[in-house]
Structure formats: C-alpha cells, structure tokens
All heavy atoms as atom14 arrays in JSON, in Angstrom:
{
  "sequence": "AWHLYVVQVAKEKRKALFNALREKGVGVNVH",
  "atom14_mask": [
    [1, 1, 1, 1, 1, 0, 0, 0, 0, 0, 0, 0, 0, 0],
    [1, 1, 1, 1, 1, 1, 1, 1, 1, 1, 1, 1, 1, 1],
    [1, 1, 1, 1, 1, 1, 1, 1, 1, 1, 0, 0, 0, 0],
    [1, 1, 1, 1, 1, 1, 1, 1, 0, 0, 0, 0, 0, 0],
    [1, 1, 1, 1, 1, 1, 1, 1, 1, 1, 1, 1, 0, 0],
    [1, 1, 1, 1, 1, 1, 1, 0, 0, 0, 0, 0, 0, 0],
    [1, 1, 1, 1, 1, 1, 1, 0, 0, 0, 0, 0, 0, 0],
    [1, 1, 1, 1, 1, 1, 1, 1, 1, 0, 0, 0, 0, 0],
    [1, 1, 1, 1, 1, 1, 1, 0, 0, 0, 0, 0, 0, 0],
    [1, 1, 1, 1, 1, 0, 0, 0, 0, 0, 0, 0, 0, 0],
    [1, 1, 1, 1, 1, 1, 1, 1, 1, 0, 0, 0, 0, 0],
    [1, 1, 1, 1, 1, 1, 1, 1, 1, 0, 0, 0, 0, 0],
    [1, 1, 1, 1, 1, 1, 1, 1, 1, 0, 0, 0, 0, 0],
    [1, 1, 1, 1, 1, 1, 1, 1, 1, 1, 1, 0, 0, 0],
    [1, 1, 1, 1, 1, 1, 1, 1, 1, 0, 0, 0, 0, 0],
    [1, 1, 1, 1, 1, 0, 0, 0, 0, 0, 0, 0, 0, 0],
    [1, 1, 1, 1, 1, 1, 1, 1, 0, 0, 0, 0, 0, 0],
    [1, 1, 1, 1, 1, 1, 1, 1, 1, 1, 1, 0, 0, 0],
    [1, 1, 1, 1, 1, 1, 1, 1, 0, 0, 0, 0, 0, 0],
    [1, 1, 1, 1, 1, 0, 0, 0, 0, 0, 0, 0, 0, 0],
    [1, 1, 1, 1, 1, 1, 1, 1, 0, 0, 0, 0, 0, 0],
    [1, 1, 1, 1, 1, 1, 1, 1, 1, 1, 1, 0, 0, 0],
    [1, 1, 1, 1, 1, 1, 1, 1, 1, 0, 0, 0, 0, 0],
    [1, 1, 1, 1, 1, 1, 1, 1, 1, 0, 0, 0, 0, 0],
    [1, 1, 1, 1, 0, 0, 0, 0, 0, 0, 0, 0, 0, 0],
    [1, 1, 1, 1, 1, 1, 1, 0, 0, 0, 0, 0, 0, 0],
    [1, 1, 1, 1, 0, 0, 0, 0, 0, 0, 0, 0, 0, 0],
    [1, 1, 1, 1, 1, 1, 1, 0, 0, 0, 0, 0, 0, 0],
    [1, 1, 1, 1, 1, 1, 1, 1, 0, 0, 0, 0, 0, 0],
    [1, 1, 1, 1, 1, 1, 1, 0, 0, 0, 0, 0, 0, 0],
    [1, 1, 1, 1, 1, 1, 1, 1, 1, 1, 0, 0, 0, 0]
  ],
  "atom14_positions": [
    [[-3.74, 41.54, -35.88], [-4.05, 41.66, -37.34], [-2.98, 41.01, -38.18], [-3.09, 40.89, -39.36], [-4.23, 43.13, -37.72], [0.0, 0.0, 0.0], [0.0, 0.0, 0.0], [0.0, 0.0, 0.0], [0.0, 0.0, 0.0], [0.0, 0.0, 0.0], [0.0, 0.0, 0.0], [0.0, 0.0, 0.0], [0.0, 0.0, 0.0], [0.0, 0.0, 0.0]],
    [[-1.83, 40.65, -37.52], [-0.74, 39.92, -38.15], [-0.17, 40.69, -39.43], [-0.03, 40.12, -40.46], [-1.1, 38.49, -38.54], [-1.31, 37.61, -37.34], [-2.48, 37.13, -36.86], [-0.24, 37.17, -36.45], [-2.21, 36.43, -35.67], [-0.84, 36.39, -35.42], [1.17, 37.3, -36.43], [-0.13, 35.8, -34.4], [1.89, 36.72, -35.44], [1.25, 35.96, -34.43]],
    [[0.09, 41.95, -39.25], [0.77, 42.66, -40.28], [2.16, 42.05, -40.47], [2.65, 41.92, -41.62], [0.95, 44.16, -39.91], [1.93, 44.87, -40.75], [1.88, 44.88, -42.12], [3.04, 45.63, -40.41], [2.9, 45.6, -42.6], [3.59, 46.06, -41.61], [0.0, 0.0, 0.0], [0.0, 0.0, 0.0], [0.0, 0.0, 0.0], [0.0, 0.0, 0.0]],
    [[2.79, 41.66, -39.39], [4.16, 40.98, -39.49], [4.14, 39.71, -38.67], [3.43, 39.56, -37.66], [5.22, 41.94, -38.9], [5.39, 43.3, -39.55], [6.4, 44.14, -38.68], [5.93, 43.14, -40.98], [0.0, 0.0, 0.0], [0.0, 0.0, 0.0], [0.0, 0.0, 0.0], [0.0, 0.0, 0.0], [0.0, 0.0, 0.0], [0.0, 0.0, 0.0]],
    [[4.97, 38.77, -39.14], [5.32, 37.59, -38.37], [6.82, 37.62, -38.11], [7.58, 37.35, -38.98], [4.9, 36.33, -39.14], [4.97, 35.07, -38.28], [3.89, 34.58, -37.55], [6.21, 34.36, -38.19], [3.98, 33.46, -36.76], [6.3, 33.21, -37.44], [5.22, 32.74, -36.69], [5.25, 31.63, -35.91], [0.0, 0.0, 0.0], [0.0, 0.0, 0.0]],
    [[7.11, 38.0, -36.87], [8.54, 38.23, -36.51], [9.06, 37.06, -35.67], [8.45, 36.73, -34.61], [8.71, 39.53, -35.76], [10.21, 39.7, -35.35], [8.25, 40.68, -36.57], [0.0, 0.0, 0.0], [0.0, 0.0, 0.0], [0.0, 0.0, 0.0], [0.0, 0.0, 0.0], [0.0, 0.0, 0.0], [0.0, 0.0, 0.0], [0.0, 0.0, 0.0]],
    [[10.11, 36.37, -36.11], [10.78, 35.4, -35.35], [12.12, 35.96, -34.83], [12.63, 36.86, -35.37], [11.01, 34.07, -36.13], [9.74, 33.46, -36.59], [11.97, 34.3, -37.35], [0.0, 0.0, 0.0], [0.0, 0.0, 0.0], [0.0, 0.0, 0.0], [0.0, 0.0, 0.0], [0.0, 0.0, 0.0], [0.0, 0.0, 0.0], [0.0, 0.0, 0.0]],
    [[12.63, 35.32, -33.78], [13.92, 35.71, -33.21], [14.86, 34.54, -33.19], [14.46, 33.4, -32.82], [13.72, 36.3, -31.82], [12.92, 37.57, -31.78], [12.68, 38.01, -30.36], [11.74, 37.49, -29.72], [13.43, 38.97, -29.84], [0.0, 0.0, 0.0], [0.0, 0.0, 0.0], [0.0, 0.0, 0.0], [0.0, 0.0, 0.0], [0.0, 0.0, 0.0]],
    [[16.1, 34.81, -33.59], [17.15, 33.8, -33.67], [18.28, 34.29, -32.89], [18.43, 35.51, -32.64], [17.48, 33.54, -35.2], [18.14, 34.74, -35.8], [18.4, 32.31, -35.31], [0.0, 0.0, 0.0], [0.0, 0.0, 0.0], [0.0, 0.0, 0.0], [0.0, 0.0, 0.0], [0.0, 0.0, 0.0], [0.0, 0.0, 0.0], [0.0, 0.0, 0.0]],
    [[19.2, 33.42, -32.49], [20.43, 33.83, -31.81], [21.1, 34.95, -32.61], [21.31, 34.79, -33.83], [21.33, 32.64, -31.59], [0.0, 0.0, 0.0], [0.0, 0.0, 0.0], [0.0, 0.0, 0.0], [0.0, 0.0, 0.0], [0.0, 0.0, 0.0], [0.0, 0.0, 0.0], [0.0, 0.0, 0.0], [0.0, 0.0, 0.0], [0.0, 0.0, 0.0]],
    [[21.56, 35.98, -31.92], [22.01, 37.15, -32.68], [23.19, 36.88, -33.57], [23.34, 37.47, -34.62], [22.28, 38.34, -31.72], [23.44, 38.14, -30.83], [23.68, 39.37, -29.94], [24.93, 39.24, -29.09], [25.14, 40.49, -28.23], [0.0, 0.0, 0.0], [0.0, 0.0, 0.0], [0.0, 0.0, 0.0], [0.0, 0.0, 0.0], [0.0, 0.0, 0.0]],
    [[24.07, 35.94, -33.16], [25.21, 35.61, -33.96], [24.87, 34.89, -35.26], [25.69, 34.78, -36.14], [26.25, 34.82, -33.14], [25.75, 33.44, -32.72], [25.04, 33.45, -31.34], [24.69, 34.58, -30.9], [24.82, 32.4, -30.74], [0.0, 0.0, 0.0], [0.0, 0.0, 0.0], [0.0, 0.0, 0.0], [0.0, 0.0, 0.0], [0.0, 0.0, 0.0]],
    [[23.6, 34.38, -35.32], [23.17, 33.68, -36.54], [22.26, 34.47, -37.45], [21.96, 34.1, -38.56], [22.43, 32.43, -36.14], [23.22, 31.34, -35.39], [22.43, 30.13, -35.09], [23.31, 29.07, -34.41], [22.49, 27.82, -34.11], [0.0, 0.0, 0.0], [0.0, 0.0, 0.0], [0.0, 0.0, 0.0], [0.0, 0.0, 0.0], [0.0, 0.0, 0.0]],
    [[21.81, 35.68, -36.96], [20.82, 36.46, -37.64], [21.19, 36.86, -39.06], [20.51, 36.67, -40.0], [20.38, 37.68, -36.86], [19.01, 38.26, -37.24], [19.03, 39.33, -38.3], [19.84, 40.44, -37.87], [19.3, 41.51, -37.2], [18.0, 41.55, -36.93], [20.03, 42.52, -36.88], [0.0, 0.0, 0.0], [0.0, 0.0, 0.0], [0.0, 0.0, 0.0]],
    [[22.39, 37.46, -39.18], [22.86, 37.94, -40.52], [22.99, 36.81, -41.53], [22.54, 36.89, -42.67], [24.18, 38.7, -40.4], [24.55, 39.41, -41.71], [25.82, 40.27, -41.5], [26.16, 41.0, -42.77], [27.38, 41.86, -42.59], [0.0, 0.0, 0.0], [0.0, 0.0, 0.0], [0.0, 0.0, 0.0], [0.0, 0.0, 0.0], [0.0, 0.0, 0.0]],
    [[23.61, 35.71, -41.09], [23.77, 34.57, -42.03], [22.41, 34.0, -42.41], [22.2, 33.63, -43.57], [24.65, 33.5, -41.39], [0.0, 0.0, 0.0], [0.0, 0.0, 0.0], [0.0, 0.0, 0.0], [0.0, 0.0, 0.0], [0.0, 0.0, 0.0], [0.0, 0.0, 0.0], [0.0, 0.0, 0.0], [0.0, 0.0, 0.0], [0.0, 0.0, 0.0]],
    [[21.49, 33.91, -41.47], [20.2, 33.39, -41.75], [19.42, 34.33, -42.68], [18.76, 33.82, -43.65], [19.34, 33.18, -40.47], [17.94, 32.64, -40.61], [18.01, 31.23, -41.22], [17.29, 32.58, -39.24], [0.0, 0.0, 0.0], [0.0, 0.0, 0.0], [0.0, 0.0, 0.0], [0.0, 0.0, 0.0], [0.0, 0.0, 0.0], [0.0, 0.0, 0.0]],
    [[19.51, 35.58, -42.42], [18.86, 36.57, -43.31], [19.4, 36.44, -44.71], [18.62, 36.4, -45.72], [19.14, 37.98, -42.78], [18.5, 39.13, -43.5], [17.29, 39.65, -43.05], [19.04, 39.65, -44.71], [16.63, 40.67, -43.73], [18.41, 40.67, -45.33], [17.22, 41.2, -44.87], [0.0, 0.0, 0.0], [0.0, 0.0, 0.0], [0.0, 0.0, 0.0]],
    [[20.7, 36.38, -44.9], [21.28, 36.28, -46.23], [20.88, 34.98, -46.92], [20.64, 34.94, -48.12], [22.79, 36.42, -46.16], [23.23, 37.79, -45.83], [22.52, 38.78, -46.04], [24.44, 37.95, -45.21], [0.0, 0.0, 0.0], [0.0, 0.0, 0.0], [0.0, 0.0, 0.0], [0.0, 0.0, 0.0], [0.0, 0.0, 0.0], [0.0, 0.0, 0.0]],
    [[20.9, 33.84, -46.15], [20.55, 32.57, -46.7], [19.11, 32.54, -47.24], [18.82, 31.98, -48.31], [20.73, 31.47, -45.65], [0.0, 0.0, 0.0], [0.0, 0.0, 0.0], [0.0, 0.0, 0.0], [0.0, 0.0, 0.0], [0.0, 0.0, 0.0], [0.0, 0.0, 0.0], [0.0, 0.0, 0.0], [0.0, 0.0, 0.0], [0.0, 0.0, 0.0]],
    [[18.21, 33.19, -46.48], [16.82, 33.28, -46.93], [16.65, 34.12, -48.17], [15.94, 33.67, -49.11], [15.98, 33.78, -45.78], [15.7, 32.87, -44.59], [15.3, 33.55, -43.33], [14.64, 31.83, -44.95], [0.0, 0.0, 0.0], [0.0, 0.0, 0.0], [0.0, 0.0, 0.0], [0.0, 0.0, 0.0], [0.0, 0.0, 0.0], [0.0, 0.0, 0.0]],
    [[17.29, 35.25, -48.19], [17.28, 36.09, -49.37], [17.82, 35.38, -50.61], [17.24, 35.49, -51.69], [18.01, 37.41, -49.11], [17.29, 38.45, -48.22], [16.17, 39.14, -49.06], [15.47, 40.16, -48.3], [15.77, 41.47, -48.36], [16.76, 41.9, -49.1], [15.01, 42.31, -47.68], [0.0, 0.0, 0.0], [0.0, 0.0, 0.0], [0.0, 0.0, 0.0]],
    [[18.94, 34.66, -50.41], [19.59, 33.99, -51.58], [18.64, 32.89, -52.13], [18.74, 32.55, -53.32], [20.86, 33.38, -51.14], [21.96, 34.38, -50.89], [23.19, 33.83, -50.16], [23.23, 32.57, -49.98], [24.09, 34.58, -49.86], [0.0, 0.0, 0.0], [0.0, 0.0, 0.0], [0.0, 0.0, 0.0], [0.0, 0.0, 0.0], [0.0, 0.0, 0.0]],
    [[17.76, 32.38, -51.31], [16.81, 31.31, -51.76], [15.47, 31.87, -52.15], [14.47, 31.11, -52.16], [16.68, 30.23, -50.69], [17.95, 29.44, -50.41], [18.32, 28.57, -51.62], [19.61, 27.76, -51.34], [19.4, 26.7, -50.34], [0.0, 0.0, 0.0], [0.0, 0.0, 0.0], [0.0, 0.0, 0.0], [0.0, 0.0, 0.0], [0.0, 0.0, 0.0]],
    [[15.38, 33.18, -52.37], [14.13, 33.77, -52.82], [13.11, 34.08, -51.76], [11.87, 34.24, -52.09], [0.0, 0.0, 0.0], [0.0, 0.0, 0.0], [0.0, 0.0, 0.0], [0.0, 0.0, 0.0], [0.0, 0.0, 0.0], [0.0, 0.0, 0.0], [0.0, 0.0, 0.0], [0.0, 0.0, 0.0], [0.0, 0.0, 0.0], [0.0, 0.0, 0.0]],
    [[13.54, 34.15, -50.54], [12.6, 34.52, -49.46], [12.91, 35.94, -48.99], [13.92, 36.26, -48.41], [12.77, 33.55, -48.24], [11.82, 33.96, -47.12], [12.52, 32.07, -48.73], [0.0, 0.0, 0.0], [0.0, 0.0, 0.0], [0.0, 0.0, 0.0], [0.0, 0.0, 0.0], [0.0, 0.0, 0.0], [0.0, 0.0, 0.0], [0.0, 0.0, 0.0]],
    [[11.91, 36.83, -49.28], [12.16, 38.23, -49.06], [11.89, 38.7, -47.61], [11.02, 39.49, -47.36], [0.0, 0.0, 0.0], [0.0, 0.0, 0.0], [0.0, 0.0, 0.0], [0.0, 0.0, 0.0], [0.0, 0.0, 0.0], [0.0, 0.0, 0.0], [0.0, 0.0, 0.0], [0.0, 0.0, 0.0], [0.0, 0.0, 0.0], [0.0, 0.0, 0.0]],
    [[12.72, 38.16, -46.74], [12.59, 38.53, -45.33], [13.07, 39.99, -45.13], [13.67, 40.6, -46.01], [13.5, 37.59, -44.42], [12.9, 36.23, -44.41], [14.93, 37.53, -44.92], [0.0, 0.0, 0.0], [0.0, 0.0, 0.0], [0.0, 0.0, 0.0], [0.0, 0.0, 0.0], [0.0, 0.0, 0.0], [0.0, 0.0, 0.0], [0.0, 0.0, 0.0]],
    [[12.67, 40.53, -44.01], [13.06, 41.89, -43.64], [13.3, 41.97, -42.16], [13.16, 41.0, -41.42], [12.0, 42.87, -44.12], [12.59, 44.2, -44.57], [13.6, 44.66, -44.01], [11.98, 44.82, -45.55], [0.0, 0.0, 0.0], [0.0, 0.0, 0.0], [0.0, 0.0, 0.0], [0.0, 0.0, 0.0], [0.0, 0.0, 0.0], [0.0, 0.0, 0.0]],
    [[13.72, 43.15, -41.69], [13.88, 43.39, -40.26], [13.09, 44.58, -39.84], [13.26, 45.68, -40.44], [15.39, 43.6, -39.93], [15.49, 44.03, -38.41], [16.19, 42.3, -40.14], [0.0, 0.0, 0.0], [0.0, 0.0, 0.0], [0.0, 0.0, 0.0], [0.0, 0.0, 0.0], [0.0, 0.0, 0.0], [0.0, 0.0, 0.0], [0.0, 0.0, 0.0]],
    [[12.2, 44.42, -38.91], [11.35, 45.53, -38.35], [11.46, 45.53, -36.87], [11.02, 44.63, -36.21], [9.88, 45.26, -38.73], [9.63, 45.2, -40.21], [9.65, 44.0, -40.91], [9.26, 46.17, -41.09], [9.33, 44.25, -42.18], [9.13, 45.57, -42.3], [0.0, 0.0, 0.0], [0.0, 0.0, 0.0], [0.0, 0.0, 0.0], [0.0, 0.0, 0.0]]
  ]
}
C-alpha cells in the first residue's frame, strides 16, 4: 500500500543526509 518509502544509506551519512534534506524543504522522517 506504500504508506512509507524507506531508503537506506550508509549509517555514517544518515544524519548529515537527513539534515540536508530538511534544510532544503524535504520533510523526511525516520520510521
């Protein structure tokens, strides 16, 4: 049903990627 579309990134890059997306107006989350 695609409630979520979850991608996985190298763990050492996850926080920086999350913050970069949020700063550019992309409301990502972690589930």
